[in-house]
C-alpha atoms as a PDB file:
ATOM      1  CA  MET A   1     -10.517  15.167   7.858  1.00  0.00           C
ATOM      2  CA  GLU A   2     -10.013  13.390  11.166  1.00  0.00           C
ATOM      3  CA  ASP A   3     -12.307  15.903  12.876  1.00  0.00           C
ATOM      4  CA  THR A   4     -15.067  15.343  10.314  1.00  0.00           C
ATOM      5  CA  PHE A   5     -14.684  11.602  10.658  1.00  0.00           C
ATOM      6  CA  LYS A   6     -15.029  11.856  14.440  1.00  0.00           C
ATOM      7  CA  LYS A   7     -18.147  14.014  14.108  1.00  0.00           C
ATOM      8  CA  LEU A   8     -19.712  11.430  11.813  1.00  0.00           C
ATOM      9  CA  LEU A   9     -18.798   8.696  14.251  1.00  0.00           C
ATOM     10  CA  TYR A  10     -20.365  10.533  17.193  1.00  0.00           C
ATOM     11  CA  ALA A  11     -23.496  11.222  15.142  1.00  0.00           C
ATOM     12  CA  GLY A  12     -23.749   7.517  14.374  1.00  0.00           C
ATOM     13  CA  VAL A  13     -23.378   6.631  18.037  1.00  0.00           C
ATOM     14  CA  GLY A  14     -26.117   9.103  18.932  1.00  0.00           C
ATOM     15  CA  ILE A  15     -28.464   7.675  16.331  1.00  0.00           C
ATOM     16  CA  ALA A  16     -27.778   4.120  17.498  1.00  0.00           C
ATOM     17  CA  SER A  17     -28.478   5.135  21.086  1.00  0.00           C
ATOM     18  CA  GLN A  18     -31.776   6.748  20.132  1.00  0.00           C
ATOM     19  CA  ALA A  19     -32.769   3.689  18.114  1.00  0.00           C
ATOM     20  CA  ALA A  20     -32.072   1.408  21.079  1.00  0.00           C
ATOM     21  CA  GLU A  21     -34.198   3.613  23.347  1.00  0.00           C
ATOM     22  CA  LYS A  22     -37.086   3.645  20.850  1.00  0.00           C
ATOM     23  CA  PHE A  23     -36.850  -0.132  20.430  1.00  0.00           C
ATOM     24  CA  GLU A  24     -37.033  -0.642  24.173  1.00  0.00           C
ATOM     25  CA  GLU A  25     -39.999   1.762  24.420  1.00  0.00           C
ATOM     26  CA  LYS A  26     -41.886  -0.164  21.720  1.00  0.00           C
ATOM     27  CA  ILE A  27     -41.261  -3.483  23.452  1.00  0.00           C
ATOM     28  CA  ASN A  28     -42.470  -1.987  26.739  1.00  0.00           C
ATOM     29  CA  GLU A  29     -45.631  -0.804  24.976  1.00  0.00           C
ATOM     30  CA  LEU A  30     -46.238  -4.332  23.679  1.00  0.00           C
ATOM     31  CA  VAL A  31     -45.782  -5.687  27.198  1.00  0.00           C
ATOM     32  CA  GLU A  32     -48.240  -3.111  28.596  1.00  0.00           C
ATOM     33  CA  LYS A  33     -50.804  -4.022  25.931  1.00  0.00           C
ATOM     34  CA  GLY A  34     -50.406  -7.705  26.786  1.00  0.00           C
ATOM     35  CA  LYS A  35     -49.203  -8.652  23.323  1.00  0.00           C
ATOM     36  CA  VAL A  36     -45.884  -9.843  24.730  1.00  0.00           C
ATOM     37  CA  SER A  37     -45.252 -11.252  28.186  1.00  0.00           C
ATOM     38  CA  ASP A  38     -42.928  -9.427  30.568  1.00  0.00           C
ATOM     39  CA  SER A  39     -40.324 -12.183  30.388  1.00  0.00           C
ATOM     40  CA  GLU A  40     -40.541 -12.298  26.571  1.00  0.00           C
ATOM     41  CA  GLY A  41     -40.145  -8.522  26.417  1.00  0.00           C
ATOM     42  CA  LYS A  42     -37.092  -8.620  28.652  1.00  0.00           C
ATOM     43  CA  LYS A  43     -35.599 -11.439  26.560  1.00  0.00           C
ATOM     44  CA  ILE A  44     -36.201  -9.536  23.310  1.00  0.00           C
ATOM     45  CA  VAL A  45     -34.574  -6.390  24.684  1.00  0.00           C
ATOM     46  CA  GLU A  46     -31.669  -8.370  26.162  1.00  0.00           C
ATOM     47  CA  ASP A  47     -31.051 -10.176  22.856  1.00  0.00           C
ATOM     48  CA  PHE A  48     -31.194  -6.875  20.989  1.00  0.00           C
ATOM     49  CA  LEU A  49     -28.711  -5.235  23.357  1.00  0.00           C
ATOM     50  CA  ASN A  50     -26.353  -8.225  23.163  1.00  0.00           C
ATOM     51  CA  LYS A  51     -26.382  -8.133  19.366  1.00  0.00           C
ATOM     52  CA  THR A  52     -25.869  -4.389  19.442  1.00  0.00           C
ATOM     53  CA  GLU A  53     -22.894  -4.807  21.784  1.00  0.00           C
ATOM     54  CA  ASP A  54     -21.363  -7.418  19.483  1.00  0.00           C
ATOM     55  CA  ARG A  55     -21.786  -5.101  16.504  1.00  0.00           C
ATOM     56  CA  ARG A  56     -20.296  -2.222  18.484  1.00  0.00           C
ATOM     57  CA  LYS A  57     -17.204  -4.283  19.249  1.00  0.00           C
ATOM     58  CA  ASP A  58     -16.863  -5.261  15.582  1.00  0.00           C
ATOM     59  CA  PHE A  59     -17.267  -1.634  14.566  1.00  0.00           C
ATOM     60  CA  GLU A  60     -14.644  -0.463  17.064  1.00  0.00           C
ATOM     61  CA  THR A  61     -12.188  -3.038  15.740  1.00  0.00           C
ATOM     62  CA  LYS A  62     -12.788  -1.995  12.148  1.00  0.00           C
ATOM     63  CA  PHE A  63     -12.647   1.692  13.100  1.00  0.00           C
ATOM     64  CA  LYS A  64      -9.300   1.189  14.840  1.00  0.00           C
ATOM     65  CA  GLU A  65      -7.900  -0.655  11.815  1.00  0.00           C
ATOM     66  CA  TYR A  66      -9.126   2.094   9.489  1.00  0.00           C
ATOM     67  CA  SER A  67      -7.899   4.961  11.649  1.00  0.00           C
ATOM     68  CA  ASP A  68      -4.489   3.316  12.020  1.00  0.00           C
ATOM     69  CA  LYS A  69      -4.328   2.776   8.268  1.00  0.00           C
ATOM     70  CA  MET A  70      -5.266   6.403   7.598  1.00  0.00           C
ATOM     71  CA  GLY A  71      -2.871   7.692  10.245  1.00  0.00           C
ATOM     72  CA  PHE A  72      -5.562   9.147  12.515  1.00  0.00           C
ATOM     73  CA  GLY A  73      -4.140   7.329  15.508  1.00  0.00           C
ATOM     74  CA  LYS A  74      -0.948   9.308  15.145  1.00  0.00           C
ATOM     75  CA  SER A  75      -2.424  12.728  15.916  1.00  0.00           C
ATOM     76  CA  ASN A  76      -1.315  12.378  19.536  1.00  0.00           C
ATOM     77  CA  GLU A  77       2.229  11.702  18.352  1.00  0.00           C
ATOM     78  CA  ILE A  78       2.078  14.763  16.107  1.00  0.00           C
ATOM     79  CA  ASP A  79       0.895  16.914  19.011  1.00  0.00           C
ATOM     80  CA  GLN A  80       3.768  15.630  21.144  1.00  0.00           C
ATOM     81  CA  LEU A  81       6.270  16.372  18.379  1.00  0.00           C
ATOM     82  CA  LYS A  82       4.886  19.902  17.923  1.00  0.00           C
ATOM     83  CA  LYS A  83       5.222  20.522  21.640  1.00  0.00           C
ATOM     84  CA  ARG A  84       8.796  19.214  21.616  1.00  0.00           C
ATOM     85  CA  ILE A  85       9.684  21.433  18.649  1.00  0.00           C
ATOM     86  CA  GLU A  86       8.273  24.460  20.467  1.00  0.00           C
ATOM     87  CA  GLU A  87      10.351  23.586  23.537  1.00  0.00           C
ATOM     88  CA  LEU A  88      13.512  23.224  21.453  1.00  0.00           C
ATOM     89  CA  GLU A  89      12.820  26.495  19.645  1.00  0.00           C
ATOM     90  CA  ALA A  90      12.359  28.228  22.980  1.00  0.00           C
ATOM     91  CA  GLU A  91      15.686  26.823  24.203  1.00  0.00           C
ATOM     92  CA  LEU A  92      17.428  27.970  21.015  1.00  0.00           C
ATOM     93  CA  ALA A  93      15.907  31.425  21.366  1.00  0.00           C
ATOM     94  CA  LYS A  94      17.369  31.723  24.874  1.00  0.00           C
ATOM     95  CA  LYS A  95      20.852  30.966  23.589  1.00  0.00           C
END
């Protein structure tokens, strides 16, 4: 389940990145057509990126809370415990 959740998360990040690129392209087109001044275009893009960054931070916080609640954050601990068990089993096998 953790793997599926990560895949969905990465897909969402990819979509958000593409949307930001398209948004910036559209603003640049408006600037080129003279419908928006260069400084206005830069301000619009900057505001958009700032809001996106704020939302990203909020999302990361909520994601961390959720993953901790669901126990996803503990997979590293589980891997370490599995490795330790294998080491102990190997030691026991030697004896």
